[in-house]
């Protein structure tokens, strides 16, 4: 999150930032030059095997993004058990490749 917030601040300051971060499953967070927002969007694999954005998602302006981060931080710090939640981890690369959260789009 620190890297993402740093990139959002750079984009807010007018720097040319292009970022696409996999959040899990088909969900990605992206910053695109020319668009003053943080895009959280579900992607899908089209029948031609290309990965495309879906209509499911939200684009937040930078103030909305900061408000979301503030609320998420409060929830994380105040709800018991939130610190126990972690990202996927795998013992081998093969296990990671089989995980639908870590590798949602399989090559045919």
PDB file of N, CA and C in Angstrom:
ATOM      1  N   UNK A   1       0.817  -1.204   0.000  1.00  0.00           N
ATOM      2  CA  UNK A   1       0.000   0.000   0.000  1.00  0.00           C
ATOM      3  C   UNK A   1       0.854   1.258   0.000  1.00  0.00           C
ATOM      4  N   UNK A   2       2.005   1.217   0.663  1.00  0.00           N
ATOM      5  CA  UNK A   2       2.846   2.413   0.690  1.00  0.00           C
ATOM      6  C   UNK A   2       3.287   2.792  -0.721  1.00  0.00           C
ATOM      7  N   UNK A   3       3.646   1.799  -1.521  1.00  0.00           N
ATOM      8  CA  UNK A   3       4.061   2.076  -2.902  1.00  0.00           C
ATOM      9  C   UNK A   3       2.905   2.648  -3.714  1.00  0.00           C
ATOM     10  N   UNK A   4       1.711   2.084  -3.531  1.00  0.00           N
ATOM     11  CA  UNK A   4       0.543   2.579  -4.257  1.00  0.00           C
ATOM     12  C   UNK A   4       0.256   4.019  -3.859  1.00  0.00           C
ATOM     13  N   UNK A   5       0.253   4.302  -2.558  1.00  0.00           N
ATOM     14  CA  UNK A   5      -0.011   5.666  -2.102  1.00  0.00           C
ATOM     15  C   UNK A   5       1.045   6.645  -2.611  1.00  0.00           C
ATOM     16  N   UNK A   6       2.283   6.209  -2.667  1.00  0.00           N
ATOM     17  CA  UNK A   6       3.356   7.053  -3.206  1.00  0.00           C
ATOM     18  C   UNK A   6       3.091   7.353  -4.685  1.00  0.00           C
ATOM     19  N   UNK A   7       2.669   6.335  -5.438  1.00  0.00           N
ATOM     20  CA  UNK A   7       2.357   6.541  -6.864  1.00  0.00           C
ATOM     21  C   UNK A   7       1.146   7.453  -7.044  1.00  0.00           C
ATOM     22  N   UNK A   8       0.131   7.300  -6.188  1.00  0.00           N
ATOM     23  CA  UNK A   8      -1.052   8.170  -6.260  1.00  0.00           C
ATOM     24  C   UNK A   8      -0.642   9.622  -6.001  1.00  0.00           C
ATOM     25  N   UNK A   9       0.223   9.844  -5.022  1.00  0.00           N
ATOM     26  CA  UNK A   9       0.683  11.210  -4.733  1.00  0.00           C
ATOM     27  C   UNK A   9       1.446  11.799  -5.918  1.00  0.00           C
ATOM     28  N   UNK A  10       2.275  10.994  -6.555  1.00  0.00           N
ATOM     29  CA  UNK A  10       3.007  11.465  -7.744  1.00  0.00           C
ATOM     30  C   UNK A  10       2.033  11.838  -8.862  1.00  0.00           C
ATOM     31  N   UNK A  11       1.027  10.982  -9.073  1.00  0.00           N
ATOM     32  CA  UNK A  11       0.028  11.256 -10.117  1.00  0.00           C
ATOM     33  C   UNK A  11      -0.743  12.525  -9.783  1.00  0.00           C
ATOM     34  N   UNK A  12      -1.090  12.698  -8.507  1.00  0.00           N
ATOM     35  CA  UNK A  12      -1.814  13.902  -8.074  1.00  0.00           C
ATOM     36  C   UNK A  12      -0.970  15.154  -8.337  1.00  0.00           C
ATOM     37  N   UNK A  13       0.343  15.012  -8.216  1.00  0.00           N
ATOM     38  CA  UNK A  13       1.244  16.141  -8.446  1.00  0.00           C
ATOM     39  C   UNK A  13       1.525  16.382  -9.925  1.00  0.00           C
ATOM     40  N   UNK A  14       0.853  15.608 -10.795  1.00  0.00           N
ATOM     41  CA  UNK A  14       0.989  15.829 -12.228  1.00  0.00           C
ATOM     42  C   UNK A  14       2.075  15.024 -12.906  1.00  0.00           C
ATOM     43  N   UNK A  15       2.694  14.094 -12.183  1.00  0.00           N
ATOM     44  CA  UNK A  15       3.739  13.265 -12.787  1.00  0.00           C
ATOM     45  C   UNK A  15       3.085  12.187 -13.662  1.00  0.00           C
ATOM     46  N   UNK A  16       3.811  11.763 -14.673  1.00  0.00           N
ATOM     47  CA  UNK A  16       3.349  10.749 -15.632  1.00  0.00           C
ATOM     48  C   UNK A  16       3.515   9.372 -14.972  1.00  0.00           C
ATOM     49  N   UNK A  17       2.441   8.843 -14.389  1.00  0.00           N
ATOM     50  CA  UNK A  17       2.495   7.569 -13.673  1.00  0.00           C
ATOM     51  C   UNK A  17       1.552   6.568 -14.345  1.00  0.00           C
ATOM     52  N   UNK A  18       2.100   5.408 -14.657  1.00  0.00           N
ATOM     53  CA  UNK A  18       1.304   4.326 -15.224  1.00  0.00           C
ATOM     54  C   UNK A  18       1.550   3.088 -14.367  1.00  0.00           C
ATOM     55  N   UNK A  19       0.509   2.636 -13.645  1.00  0.00           N
ATOM     56  CA  UNK A  19       0.633   1.524 -12.704  1.00  0.00           C
ATOM     57  C   UNK A  19      -0.564   0.603 -12.859  1.00  0.00           C
ATOM     58  N   UNK A  20      -0.315  -0.696 -12.790  1.00  0.00           N
ATOM     59  CA  UNK A  20      -1.392  -1.691 -12.745  1.00  0.00           C
ATOM     60  C   UNK A  20      -0.964  -2.752 -11.738  1.00  0.00           C
ATOM     61  N   UNK A  21      -1.691  -2.821 -10.612  1.00  0.00           N
ATOM     62  CA  UNK A  21      -1.338  -3.703  -9.515  1.00  0.00           C
ATOM     63  C   UNK A  21      -2.427  -4.764  -9.341  1.00  0.00           C
ATOM     64  N   UNK A  22      -2.020  -6.029  -9.348  1.00  0.00           N
ATOM     65  CA  UNK A  22      -2.961  -7.133  -9.146  1.00  0.00           C
ATOM     66  C   UNK A  22      -3.330  -7.196  -7.671  1.00  0.00           C
ATOM     67  N   UNK A  23      -4.623  -7.155  -7.361  1.00  0.00           N
ATOM     68  CA  UNK A  23      -5.101  -7.172  -5.985  1.00  0.00           C
ATOM     69  C   UNK A  23      -5.565  -8.557  -5.541  1.00  0.00           C
ATOM     70  N   UNK A  24      -5.807  -9.436  -6.488  1.00  0.00           N
ATOM     71  CA  UNK A  24      -6.305 -10.776  -6.178  1.00  0.00           C
ATOM     72  C   UNK A  24      -7.466 -11.105  -7.095  1.00  0.00           C
ATOM     73  N   UNK A  25      -7.575 -12.373  -7.447  1.00  0.00           N
ATOM     74  CA  UNK A  25      -8.608 -12.760  -8.403  1.00  0.00           C
ATOM     75  C   UNK A  25      -8.395 -11.983  -9.687  1.00  0.00           C
ATOM     76  N   UNK A  26      -9.436 -11.445 -10.255  1.00  0.00           N
ATOM     77  CA  UNK A  26      -9.306 -10.640 -11.470  1.00  0.00           C
ATOM     78  C   UNK A  26      -9.270  -9.147 -11.183  1.00  0.00           C
ATOM     79  N   UNK A  27      -9.100  -8.751  -9.919  1.00  0.00           N
ATOM     80  CA  UNK A  27      -9.155  -7.334  -9.537  1.00  0.00           C
ATOM     81  C   UNK A  27      -7.795  -6.667  -9.638  1.00  0.00           C
ATOM     82  N   UNK A  28      -7.813  -5.451 -10.211  1.00  0.00           N
ATOM     83  CA  UNK A  28      -6.593  -4.656 -10.375  1.00  0.00           C
ATOM     84  C   UNK A  28      -6.852  -3.223  -9.959  1.00  0.00           C
ATOM     85  N   UNK A  29      -5.814  -2.580  -9.468  1.00  0.00           N
ATOM     86  CA  UNK A  29      -5.812  -1.139  -9.209  1.00  0.00           C
ATOM     87  C   UNK A  29      -4.907  -0.532 -10.270  1.00  0.00           C
ATOM     88  N   UNK A  30      -5.368   0.533 -10.918  1.00  0.00           N
ATOM     89  CA  UNK A  30      -4.522   1.142 -11.939  1.00  0.00           C
ATOM     90  C   UNK A  30      -4.565   2.664 -11.882  1.00  0.00           C
ATOM     91  N   UNK A  31      -3.437   3.237 -12.274  1.00  0.00           N
ATOM     92  CA  UNK A  31      -3.282   4.675 -12.486  1.00  0.00           C
ATOM     93  C   UNK A  31      -2.867   4.834 -13.933  1.00  0.00           C
ATOM     94  N   UNK A  32      -3.574   5.694 -14.651  1.00  0.00           N
ATOM     95  CA  UNK A  32      -3.312   5.883 -16.077  1.00  0.00           C
ATOM     96  C   UNK A  32      -3.067   7.359 -16.347  1.00  0.00           C
ATOM     97  N   UNK A  33      -1.949   7.682 -17.018  1.00  0.00           N
ATOM     98  CA  UNK A  33      -1.690   9.090 -17.350  1.00  0.00           C
ATOM     99  C   UNK A  33      -2.861   9.696 -18.118  1.00  0.00           C
ATOM    100  N   UNK A  34      -3.226  10.919 -17.760  1.00  0.00           N
ATOM    101  CA  UNK A  34      -4.324  11.597 -18.431  1.00  0.00           C
ATOM    102  C   UNK A  34      -5.665  11.414 -17.734  1.00  0.00           C
ATOM    103  N   UNK A  35      -5.727  10.504 -16.766  1.00  0.00           N
ATOM    104  CA  UNK A  35      -6.946  10.271 -15.997  1.00  0.00           C
ATOM    105  C   UNK A  35      -6.636  10.527 -14.525  1.00  0.00           C
ATOM    106  N   UNK A  36      -7.300  11.499 -13.933  1.00  0.00           N
ATOM    107  CA  UNK A  36      -7.038  11.886 -12.544  1.00  0.00           C
ATOM    108  C   UNK A  36      -7.874  11.045 -11.588  1.00  0.00           C
ATOM    109  N   UNK A  37      -7.592   9.749 -11.570  1.00  0.00           N
ATOM    110  CA  UNK A  37      -8.347   8.861 -10.691  1.00  0.00           C
ATOM    111  C   UNK A  37      -7.561   7.586 -10.423  1.00  0.00           C
ATOM    112  N   UNK A  38      -8.017   6.892  -9.395  1.00  0.00           N
ATOM    113  CA  UNK A  38      -7.518   5.558  -9.073  1.00  0.00           C
ATOM    114  C   UNK A  38      -8.619   4.599  -9.489  1.00  0.00           C
ATOM    115  N   UNK A  39      -8.316   3.699 -10.403  1.00  0.00           N
ATOM    116  CA  UNK A  39      -9.319   2.775 -10.937  1.00  0.00           C
ATOM    117  C   UNK A  39      -9.165   1.412 -10.274  1.00  0.00           C
ATOM    118  N   UNK A  40     -10.225   0.938  -9.648  1.00  0.00           N
ATOM    119  CA  UNK A  40     -10.287  -0.408  -9.083  1.00  0.00           C
ATOM    120  C   UNK A  40     -11.264  -1.186  -9.949  1.00  0.00           C
ATOM    121  N   UNK A  41     -10.777  -2.195 -10.668  1.00  0.00           N
ATOM    122  CA  UNK A  41     -11.613  -2.827 -11.684  1.00  0.00           C
ATOM    123  C   UNK A  41     -11.339  -4.317 -11.778  1.00  0.00           C
ATOM    124  N   UNK A  42     -12.419  -5.063 -12.045  1.00  0.00           N
ATOM    125  CA  UNK A  42     -12.340  -6.503 -12.300  1.00  0.00           C
ATOM    126  C   UNK A  42     -12.041  -6.701 -13.791  1.00  0.00           C
ATOM    127  N   UNK A  43     -11.094  -7.551 -14.089  1.00  0.00           N
ATOM    128  CA  UNK A  43     -10.752  -7.896 -15.470  1.00  0.00           C
ATOM    129  C   UNK A  43     -11.216  -9.317 -15.750  1.00  0.00           C
ATOM    130  N   UNK A  44     -11.358  -9.643 -17.003  1.00  0.00           N
ATOM    131  CA  UNK A  44     -11.775 -10.989 -17.393  1.00  0.00           C
ATOM    132  C   UNK A  44     -10.983 -11.428 -18.616  1.00  0.00           C
ATOM    133  N   UNK A  45     -10.971 -12.737 -18.839  1.00  0.00           N
ATOM    134  CA  UNK A  45     -10.286 -13.288 -20.005  1.00  0.00           C
ATOM    135  C   UNK A  45     -11.308 -13.511 -21.107  1.00  0.00           C
ATOM    136  N   UNK A  46     -11.138 -12.786 -22.204  1.00  0.00           N
ATOM    137  CA  UNK A  46     -12.033 -12.882 -23.355  1.00  0.00           C
ATOM    138  C   UNK A  46     -11.794 -14.203 -24.074  1.00  0.00           C
ATOM    139  N   UNK A  47     -12.720 -14.597 -24.900  1.00  0.00           N
ATOM    140  CA  UNK A  47     -12.586 -15.875 -25.618  1.00  0.00           C
ATOM    141  C   UNK A  47     -11.370 -15.912 -26.544  1.00  0.00           C
ATOM    142  N   UNK A  48     -10.836 -14.725 -26.931  1.00  0.00           N
ATOM    143  CA  UNK A  48      -9.611 -14.704 -27.746  1.00  0.00           C
ATOM    144  C   UNK A  48      -8.354 -14.707 -26.870  1.00  0.00           C
ATOM    145  N   UNK A  49      -8.539 -14.962 -25.553  1.00  0.00           N
ATOM    146  CA  UNK A  49      -7.482 -15.034 -24.537  1.00  0.00           C
ATOM    147  C   UNK A  49      -6.902 -13.686 -24.131  1.00  0.00           C
ATOM    148  N   UNK A  50      -7.407 -12.589 -24.681  1.00  0.00           N
ATOM    149  CA  UNK A  50      -6.940 -11.284 -24.219  1.00  0.00           C
ATOM    150  C   UNK A  50      -7.578 -10.975 -22.863  1.00  0.00           C
ATOM    151  N   UNK A  51      -6.873 -10.215 -22.049  1.00  0.00           N
ATOM    152  CA  UNK A  51      -7.372  -9.816 -20.733  1.00  0.00           C
ATOM    153  C   UNK A  51      -7.969  -8.427 -20.875  1.00  0.00           C
ATOM    154  N   UNK A  52      -9.247  -8.290 -20.514  1.00  0.00           N
ATOM    155  CA  UNK A  52      -9.968  -7.035 -20.739  1.00  0.00           C
ATOM    156  C   UNK A  52     -10.630  -6.546 -19.457  1.00  0.00           C
ATOM    157  N   UNK A  53     -10.784  -5.217 -19.332  1.00  0.00           N
ATOM    158  CA  UNK A  53     -11.492  -4.680 -18.165  1.00  0.00           C
ATOM    159  C   UNK A  53     -12.992  -4.928 -18.292  1.00  0.00           C
ATOM    160  N   UNK A  54     -13.623  -5.196 -17.172  1.00  0.00           N
ATOM    161  CA  UNK A  54     -15.077  -5.361 -17.172  1.00  0.00           C
ATOM    162  C   UNK A  54     -15.732  -4.046 -16.744  1.00  0.00           C
ATOM    163  N   UNK A  55     -17.048  -4.047 -16.708  1.00  0.00           N
ATOM    164  CA  UNK A  55     -17.785  -2.880 -16.228  1.00  0.00           C
ATOM    165  C   UNK A  55     -17.793  -2.828 -14.704  1.00  0.00           C
ATOM    166  N   UNK A  56     -17.427  -3.929 -14.060  1.00  0.00           N
ATOM    167  CA  UNK A  56     -17.421  -3.997 -12.594  1.00  0.00           C
ATOM    168  C   UNK A  56     -16.190  -3.294 -12.044  1.00  0.00           C
ATOM    169  N   UNK A  57     -16.402  -2.206 -11.365  1.00  0.00           N
ATOM    170  CA  UNK A  57     -15.302  -1.483 -10.764  1.00  0.00           C
ATOM    171  C   UNK A  57     -15.709  -0.067 -10.434  1.00  0.00           C
ATOM    172  N   UNK A  58     -14.746   0.697  -9.977  1.00  0.00           N
ATOM    173  CA  UNK A  58     -15.009   2.075  -9.590  1.00  0.00           C
ATOM    174  C   UNK A  58     -13.748   2.908  -9.835  1.00  0.00           C
ATOM    175  N   UNK A  59     -13.961   4.134 -10.275  1.00  0.00           N
ATOM    176  CA  UNK A  59     -12.864   5.090 -10.433  1.00  0.00           C
ATOM    177  C   UNK A  59     -13.043   6.146  -9.349  1.00  0.00           C
ATOM    178  N   UNK A  60     -12.033   6.283  -8.505  1.00  0.00           N
ATOM    179  CA  UNK A  60     -12.088   7.238  -7.404  1.00  0.00           C
ATOM    180  C   UNK A  60     -11.172   8.413  -7.694  1.00  0.00           C
ATOM    181  N   UNK A  61     -11.672   9.644  -7.481  1.00  0.00           N
ATOM    182  CA  UNK A  61     -10.756  10.775  -7.586  1.00  0.00           C
ATOM    183  C   UNK A  61      -9.808  10.701  -6.392  1.00  0.00           C
ATOM    184  N   UNK A  62      -8.779  11.528  -6.393  1.00  0.00           N
ATOM    185  CA  UNK A  62      -7.744  11.407  -5.371  1.00  0.00           C
ATOM    186  C   UNK A  62      -8.267  11.678  -3.962  1.00  0.00           C
ATOM    187  N   UNK A  63      -9.228  12.582  -3.803  1.00  0.00           N
ATOM    188  CA  UNK A  63      -9.804  12.837  -2.470  1.00  0.00           C
ATOM    189  C   UNK A  63     -10.590  11.620  -1.992  1.00  0.00           C
ATOM    190  N   UNK A  64     -11.355  11.007  -2.896  1.00  0.00           N
ATOM    191  CA  UNK A  64     -12.110   9.804  -2.535  1.00  0.00           C
ATOM    192  C   UNK A  64     -11.163   8.659  -2.171  1.00  0.00           C
ATOM    193  N   UNK A  65     -10.063   8.533  -2.917  1.00  0.00           N
ATOM    194  CA  UNK A  65      -9.061   7.513  -2.628  1.00  0.00           C
ATOM    195  C   UNK A  65      -8.504   7.715  -1.216  1.00  0.00           C
ATOM    196  N   UNK A  66      -8.143   8.957  -0.879  1.00  0.00           N
ATOM    197  CA  UNK A  66      -7.597   9.235   0.453  1.00  0.00           C
ATOM    198  C   UNK A  66      -8.621   8.915   1.542  1.00  0.00           C
ATOM    199  N   UNK A  67      -9.891   9.235   1.302  1.00  0.00           N
ATOM    200  CA  UNK A  67     -10.939   8.926   2.271  1.00  0.00           C
ATOM    201  C   UNK A  67     -11.074   7.409   2.443  1.00  0.00           C
ATOM    202  N   UNK A  68     -11.019   6.669   1.346  1.00  0.00           N
ATOM    203  CA  UNK A  68     -11.102   5.205   1.410  1.00  0.00           C
ATOM    204  C   UNK A  68      -9.937   4.642   2.219  1.00  0.00           C
ATOM    205  N   UNK A  69      -8.732   5.122   1.967  1.00  0.00           N
ATOM    206  CA  UNK A  69      -7.550   4.646   2.687  1.00  0.00           C
ATOM    207  C   UNK A  69      -7.676   4.972   4.174  1.00  0.00           C
ATOM    208  N   UNK A  70      -8.166   6.164   4.504  1.00  0.00           N
ATOM    209  CA  UNK A  70      -8.345   6.536   5.909  1.00  0.00           C
ATOM    210  C   UNK A  70      -9.321   5.585   6.607  1.00  0.00           C
ATOM    211  N   UNK A  71     -10.443   5.298   5.957  1.00  0.00           N
ATOM    212  CA  UNK A  71     -11.447   4.396   6.548  1.00  0.00           C
ATOM    213  C   UNK A  71     -10.888   2.974   6.653  1.00  0.00           C
ATOM    214  N   UNK A  72     -10.225   2.509   5.617  1.00  0.00           N
ATOM    215  CA  UNK A  72      -9.661   1.156   5.635  1.00  0.00           C
ATOM    216  C   UNK A  72      -8.613   1.019   6.741  1.00  0.00           C
ATOM    217  N   UNK A  73      -7.807   2.049   6.956  1.00  0.00           N
ATOM    218  CA  UNK A  73      -6.804   2.034   8.014  1.00  0.00           C
ATOM    219  C   UNK A  73      -7.470   1.985   9.385  1.00  0.00           C
ATOM    220  N   UNK A  74      -8.523   2.751   9.563  1.00  0.00           N
ATOM    221  CA  UNK A  74      -9.259   2.740  10.825  1.00  0.00           C
ATOM    222  C   UNK A  74      -9.851   1.357  11.091  1.00  0.00           C
ATOM    223  N   UNK A  75     -10.468   0.772  10.083  1.00  0.00           N
ATOM    224  CA  UNK A  75     -11.049  -0.571  10.230  1.00  0.00           C
ATOM    225  C   UNK A  75      -9.960  -1.576  10.589  1.00  0.00           C
ATOM    226  N   UNK A  76      -8.848  -1.524   9.881  1.00  0.00           N
ATOM    227  CA  UNK A  76      -7.736  -2.446  10.115  1.00  0.00           C
ATOM    228  C   UNK A  76      -7.229  -2.332  11.549  1.00  0.00           C
ATOM    229  N   UNK A  77      -7.101  -1.106  12.039  1.00  0.00           N
ATOM    230  CA  UNK A  77      -6.547  -0.878  13.377  1.00  0.00           C
ATOM    231  C   UNK A  77      -7.532  -1.158  14.505  1.00  0.00           C
ATOM    232  N   UNK A  78      -8.832  -1.051  14.246  1.00  0.00           N
ATOM    233  CA  UNK A  78      -9.807  -1.141  15.332  1.00  0.00           C
ATOM    234  C   UNK A  78     -10.576  -2.453  15.416  1.00  0.00           C
ATOM    235  N   UNK A  79     -10.596  -3.240  14.349  1.00  0.00           N
ATOM    236  CA  UNK A  79     -11.330  -4.509  14.395  1.00  0.00           C
ATOM    237  C   UNK A  79     -10.388  -5.663  14.712  1.00  0.00           C
ATOM    238  N   UNK A  80     -10.706  -6.378  15.784  1.00  0.00           N
ATOM    239  CA  UNK A  80      -9.905  -7.549  16.136  1.00  0.00           C
ATOM    240  C   UNK A  80      -9.945  -8.560  14.989  1.00  0.00           C
ATOM    241  N   UNK A  81      -8.835  -9.163  14.741  1.00  0.00           N
ATOM    242  CA  UNK A  81      -8.767 -10.195  13.715  1.00  0.00           C
ATOM    243  C   UNK A  81      -8.337  -9.702  12.345  1.00  0.00           C
ATOM    244  N   UNK A  82      -8.420  -8.403  12.084  1.00  0.00           N
ATOM    245  CA  UNK A  82      -8.053  -7.897  10.749  1.00  0.00           C
ATOM    246  C   UNK A  82      -6.559  -8.107  10.468  1.00  0.00           C
ATOM    247  N   UNK A  83      -5.734  -8.019  11.505  1.00  0.00           N
ATOM    248  CA  UNK A  83      -4.287  -8.180  11.304  1.00  0.00           C
ATOM    249  C   UNK A  83      -3.916  -9.627  10.972  1.00  0.00           C
ATOM    250  N   UNK A  84      -4.832 -10.564  11.259  1.00  0.00           N
ATOM    251  CA  UNK A  84      -4.565 -11.973  10.966  1.00  0.00           C
ATOM    252  C   UNK A  84      -4.813 -12.314   9.500  1.00  0.00           C
ATOM    253  N   UNK A  85      -5.487 -11.436   8.767  1.00  0.00           N
ATOM    254  CA  UNK A  85      -5.778 -11.681   7.355  1.00  0.00           C
ATOM    255  C   UNK A  85      -4.522 -11.412   6.546  1.00  0.00           C
ATOM    256  N   UNK A  86      -4.194 -12.320   5.654  1.00  0.00           N
ATOM    257  CA  UNK A  86      -2.993 -12.133   4.837  1.00  0.00           C
ATOM    258  C   UNK A  86      -3.267 -12.539   3.395  1.00  0.00           C
ATOM    259  N   UNK A  87      -2.365 -12.136   2.547  1.00  0.00           N
ATOM    260  CA  UNK A  87      -2.442 -12.521   1.138  1.00  0.00           C
ATOM    261  C   UNK A  87      -2.122 -14.006   1.010  1.00  0.00           C
ATOM    262  N   UNK A  88      -2.381 -14.541  -0.152  1.00  0.00           N
ATOM    263  CA  UNK A  88      -2.012 -15.928  -0.416  1.00  0.00           C
ATOM    264  C   UNK A  88      -0.505 -16.110  -0.252  1.00  0.00           C
ATOM    265  N   UNK A  89      -0.117 -17.277   0.148  1.00  0.00           N
ATOM    266  CA  UNK A  89       1.286 -17.659   0.106  1.00  0.00           C
ATOM    267  C   UNK A  89       1.332 -19.127  -0.266  1.00  0.00           C
ATOM    268  N   UNK A  90       2.382 -19.485  -0.964  1.00  0.00           N
ATOM    269  CA  UNK A  90       2.480 -20.844  -1.502  1.00  0.00           C
ATOM    270  C   UNK A  90       3.887 -21.370  -1.292  1.00  0.00           C
ATOM    271  N   UNK A  91       3.983 -22.684  -1.136  1.00  0.00           N
ATOM    272  CA  UNK A  91       5.282 -23.317  -0.917  1.00  0.00           C
ATOM    273  C   UNK A  91       6.093 -23.437  -2.203  1.00  0.00           C
ATOM    274  N   UNK A  92       5.399 -23.482  -3.333  1.00  0.00           N
ATOM    275  CA  UNK A  92       6.112 -23.639  -4.605  1.00  0.00           C
ATOM    276  C   UNK A  92       5.499 -22.727  -5.661  1.00  0.00           C
ATOM    277  N   UNK A  93       6.244 -22.503  -6.718  1.00  0.00           N
ATOM    278  CA  UNK A  93       5.746 -21.719  -7.853  1.00  0.00           C
ATOM    279  C   UNK A  93       4.572 -22.445  -8.500  1.00  0.00           C
ATOM    280  N   UNK A  94       4.624 -23.773  -8.538  1.00  0.00           N
ATOM    281  CA  UNK A  94       3.520 -24.546  -9.121  1.00  0.00           C
ATOM    282  C   UNK A  94       2.227 -24.336  -8.335  1.00  0.00           C
ATOM    283  N   UNK A  95       2.308 -24.289  -6.998  1.00  0.00           N
ATOM    284  CA  UNK A  95       1.122 -24.016  -6.184  1.00  0.00           C
ATOM    285  C   UNK A  95       0.559 -22.637  -6.500  1.00  0.00           C
ATOM    286  N   UNK A  96       1.434 -21.656  -6.651  1.00  0.00           N
ATOM    287  CA  UNK A  96       0.988 -20.300  -6.977  1.00  0.00           C
ATOM    288  C   UNK A  96       0.291 -20.271  -8.336  1.00  0.00           C
ATOM    289  N   UNK A  97       0.838 -20.980  -9.307  1.00  0.00           N
ATOM    290  CA  UNK A  97       0.238 -21.017 -10.647  1.00  0.00           C
ATOM    291  C   UNK A  97      -1.136 -21.670 -10.638  1.00  0.00           C
ATOM    292  N   UNK A  98      -1.382 -22.570  -9.683  1.00  0.00           N
ATOM    293  CA  UNK A  98      -2.668 -23.246  -9.586  1.00  0.00           C
ATOM    294  C   UNK A  98      -3.700 -22.442  -8.790  1.00  0.00           C
ATOM    295  N   UNK A  99      -3.249 -21.401  -8.101  1.00  0.00           N
ATOM    296  CA  UNK A  99      -4.144 -20.595  -7.259  1.00  0.00           C
ATOM    297  C   UNK A  99      -4.933 -19.614  -8.125  1.00  0.00           C
ATOM    298  N   UNK A 100      -6.266 -19.691  -8.050  1.00  0.00           N
ATOM    299  CA  UNK A 100      -7.095 -18.812  -8.884  1.00  0.00           C
ATOM    300  C   UNK A 100      -7.078 -17.372  -8.398  1.00  0.00           C
ATOM    301  N   UNK A 101      -6.642 -17.112  -7.175  1.00  0.00           N
ATOM    302  CA  UNK A 101      -6.504 -15.732  -6.694  1.00  0.00           C
ATOM    303  C   UNK A 101      -5.213 -15.107  -7.197  1.00  0.00           C
ATOM    304  N   UNK A 102      -4.122 -15.865  -7.189  1.00  0.00           N
ATOM    305  CA  UNK A 102      -2.817 -15.339  -7.601  1.00  0.00           C
ATOM    306  C   UNK A 102      -2.648 -15.323  -9.120  1.00  0.00           C
ATOM    307  N   UNK A 103      -3.228 -16.296  -9.781  1.00  0.00           N
ATOM    308  CA  UNK A 103      -3.113 -16.414 -11.241  1.00  0.00           C
ATOM    309  C   UNK A 103      -4.500 -16.649 -11.821  1.00  0.00           C
ATOM    310  N   UNK A 104      -5.320 -15.569 -11.907  1.00  0.00           N
ATOM    311  CA  UNK A 104      -6.706 -15.763 -12.336  1.00  0.00           C
ATOM    312  C   UNK A 104      -6.886 -16.065 -13.812  1.00  0.00           C
ATOM    313  N   UNK A 105      -5.893 -15.697 -14.628  1.00  0.00           N
ATOM    314  CA  UNK A 105      -6.038 -15.883 -16.071  1.00  0.00           C
ATOM    315  C   UNK A 105      -5.042 -16.926 -16.544  1.00  0.00           C
ATOM    316  N   UNK A 106      -5.564 -18.061 -16.908  1.00  0.00           N
ATOM    317  CA  UNK A 106      -4.717 -19.175 -17.361  1.00  0.00           C
ATOM    318  C   UNK A 106      -4.510 -19.098 -18.859  1.00  0.00           C
ATOM    319  N   UNK A 107      -3.295 -19.366 -19.281  1.00  0.00           N
ATOM    320  CA  UNK A 107      -3.003 -19.423 -20.714  1.00  0.00           C
ATOM    321  C   UNK A 107      -3.424 -20.776 -21.233  1.00  0.00           C
ATOM    322  N   UNK A 108      -4.061 -20.799 -22.396  1.00  0.00           N
ATOM    323  CA  UNK A 108      -4.462 -22.083 -22.987  1.00  0.00           C
ATOM    324  C   UNK A 108      -3.347 -22.662 -23.801  1.00  0.00           C
TER     325      UNK A 108
END
